[in-house]
Amino acid sequence: MENEKTRKTKIVVAFAAGVCIACGIFYAANCFGWFASVFGRTNGVRSDGATISEVKQQLDGAKNNQRELQKTADAIEGTVGDIRQEVSGAREEVGRAEQSLFDAENQSQRAGELIDECQRILDGAGKRVQTKTEAH
């Protein structure tokens, strides 16, 4: 019986040692990246299932989108420049209109002064004519 117990103990110890050695080998293989292709890893990069060609297509699409956005931004910048020029032109026109209004107001004021002067002249002439007719 003693031999059988010893034999069973040796089998259990051998099994435990085999499990420990297998675990050690698996751990070392995992640390050195020997199972990388099996678990979807390469150089520390995990695959999410997308192929290189799919990723390339996505990158090409992103490049095309970026180009289109740049074209749109350039067009917007050109439009903004045109608007600035139009606003500048409108400001100049407003300045000219203000000057014309100022000139018209000055001319109107001068015309009023001339009318007043003409009325004084006519009043003076009327008084002289009236004085002459009364004298005759």
Protein backbone atom coordinates (compact mmCIF):
# COMPACT_ATOMS: atom_id res chain seq x y z
CA MET A 1 0.00 0.00 0.00
CA GLU A 2 2.81 2.30 0.73
CA ASN A 3 4.07 1.88 -2.77
CA GLU A 4 0.68 2.70 -4.18
CA LYS A 5 0.39 5.88 -2.08
CA THR A 6 3.86 6.90 -3.11
CA ARG A 7 3.04 6.19 -6.71
CA LYS A 8 -0.19 8.24 -6.57
CA THR A 9 1.67 11.08 -4.85
CA LYS A 10 4.35 11.02 -7.54
CA ILE A 11 1.65 11.14 -10.24
CA VAL A 12 -0.08 14.12 -8.58
CA VAL A 13 3.26 15.93 -8.11
CA ALA A 14 4.25 15.18 -11.70
CA PHE A 15 0.86 16.45 -12.94
CA ALA A 16 1.16 19.63 -10.84
CA ALA A 17 4.73 20.16 -12.07
CA GLY A 18 3.56 19.65 -15.67
CA VAL A 19 0.75 22.18 -15.23
CA CYS A 20 3.21 24.68 -13.68
CA ILE A 21 5.70 24.17 -16.52
CA ALA A 22 2.94 24.49 -19.16
CA CYS A 23 1.71 27.70 -17.53
CA GLY A 24 5.26 29.05 -17.43
CA ILE A 25 5.82 28.26 -21.10
CA PHE A 26 2.49 29.85 -22.06
CA TYR A 27 3.30 32.98 -20.02
CA ALA A 28 6.78 33.29 -21.55
CA ALA A 29 5.40 32.76 -25.07
CA ASN A 30 2.78 35.43 -24.48
CA CYS A 31 5.36 37.88 -23.09
CA PHE A 32 7.63 37.42 -26.11
CA GLY A 33 4.72 37.80 -28.55
CA TRP A 34 4.85 34.27 -29.94
CA PHE A 35 1.05 34.10 -29.84
CA ALA A 36 0.59 37.54 -31.41
CA SER A 37 -0.79 36.27 -34.70
CA VAL A 38 -3.12 33.86 -32.87
CA PHE A 39 -4.67 36.59 -30.67
CA GLY A 40 -4.74 39.32 -33.33
CA ARG A 41 -1.76 41.32 -32.09
CA THR A 42 1.26 42.53 -33.96
CA ASN A 43 3.81 44.81 -32.34
CA GLY A 44 1.35 45.66 -29.60
CA VAL A 45 -1.45 46.62 -32.04
CA ARG A 46 -4.71 44.74 -31.70
CA SER A 47 -6.75 44.11 -34.83
CA ASP A 48 -10.35 45.28 -34.72
CA GLY A 49 -11.23 43.27 -37.79
CA ALA A 50 -10.62 46.03 -40.36
CA THR A 51 -8.33 45.06 -43.17
CA ILE A 52 -5.49 47.25 -44.41
CA SER A 53 -7.36 47.95 -47.65
CA GLU A 54 -10.44 49.09 -45.70
CA VAL A 55 -8.31 51.37 -43.56
CA LYS A 56 -6.62 52.71 -46.71
CA GLN A 57 -10.03 53.42 -48.25
CA GLN A 58 -11.10 55.25 -45.10
CA LEU A 59 -7.91 57.32 -45.14
CA ASP A 60 -8.34 58.13 -48.83
CA GLY A 61 -11.94 59.16 -48.12
CA ALA A 62 -10.77 61.36 -45.26
CA LYS A 63 -8.16 62.97 -47.57
CA ASN A 64 -10.81 63.66 -50.21
CA ASN A 65 -13.13 65.14 -47.58
CA GLN A 66 -10.31 67.35 -46.33
CA ARG A 67 -9.61 68.56 -49.88
CA GLU A 68 -13.29 69.38 -50.41
CA LEU A 69 -13.43 71.22 -47.11
CA GLN A 70 -10.32 73.21 -48.09
CA LYS A 71 -11.92 74.12 -51.43
CA THR A 72 -15.06 75.25 -49.61
CA ALA A 73 -13.01 77.26 -47.13
CA ASP A 74 -11.12 78.92 -50.01
CA ALA A 75 -14.40 79.76 -51.75
CA ILE A 76 -15.78 81.24 -48.53
CA GLU A 77 -12.61 83.28 -48.08
CA GLY A 78 -12.97 84.63 -51.63
CA THR A 79 -16.61 85.52 -51.00
CA VAL A 80 -15.68 87.31 -47.79
CA GLY A 81 -13.07 89.29 -49.73
CA ASP A 82 -15.69 90.25 -52.33
CA ILE A 83 -18.11 91.32 -49.60
CA ARG A 84 -15.41 93.44 -47.99
CA GLN A 85 -14.79 95.20 -51.32
CA GLU A 86 -18.52 95.80 -51.79
CA VAL A 87 -18.83 97.18 -48.27
CA SER A 88 -15.86 99.44 -48.90
CA GLY A 89 -17.48 100.66 -52.13
CA ALA A 90 -20.78 101.22 -50.33
CA ARG A 91 -19.00 103.25 -47.66
CA GLU A 92 -17.46 105.43 -50.36
CA GLU A 93 -20.90 105.91 -51.94
CA VAL A 94 -22.39 106.85 -48.57
CA GLY A 95 -19.56 109.36 -48.10
CA ARG A 96 -20.29 110.87 -51.52
CA ALA A 97 -24.01 111.01 -50.77
CA GLU A 98 -23.33 112.76 -47.46
CA GLN A 99 -21.12 115.28 -49.26
CA SER A 100 -23.82 115.85 -51.90
CA LEU A 101 -26.42 116.37 -49.18
CA PHE A 102 -24.13 118.81 -47.40
CA ASP A 103 -23.56 120.68 -50.68
CA ALA A 104 -27.32 120.75 -51.36
CA GLU A 105 -28.00 122.13 -47.88
CA ASN A 106 -25.37 124.85 -48.44
CA GLN A 107 -26.88 125.73 -51.82
CA SER A 108 -30.37 125.81 -50.31
CA GLN A 109 -29.17 128.11 -47.56
CA ARG A 110 -27.45 130.36 -50.13
CA ALA A 111 -30.62 130.37 -52.26
CA GLY A 112 -32.62 131.46 -49.20
CA GLU A 113 -30.13 134.26 -48.58
CA LEU A 114 -30.39 135.36 -52.23
CA ILE A 115 -34.22 135.33 -52.05
CA ASP A 116 -34.11 137.48 -48.92
CA GLU A 117 -31.71 139.88 -50.63
CA CYS A 118 -33.91 140.02 -53.73
CA GLN A 119 -36.96 140.76 -51.57
CA ARG A 120 -35.11 143.60 -49.84
CA ILE A 121 -34.09 144.99 -53.21
CA LEU A 122 -37.65 144.71 -54.50
CA ASP A 123 -39.02 146.32 -51.33
CA GLY A 124 -36.52 149.16 -51.69
CA ALA A 125 -37.39 149.60 -55.38
CA GLY A 126 -41.08 149.50 -54.55
CA LYS A 127 -40.66 152.21 -51.92
CA ARG A 128 -38.71 154.40 -54.35
CA VAL A 129 -41.36 153.93 -57.06
CA GLN A 130 -44.11 154.72 -54.56
CA THR A 131 -42.23 157.81 -53.37
CA LYS A 132 -41.82 159.04 -56.97
CA THR A 133 -45.47 158.46 -57.82
CA GLU A 134 -46.61 160.30 -54.72
CA ALA A 135 -44.39 163.21 -55.61
CA HIS A 136 -45.92 163.57 -59.04
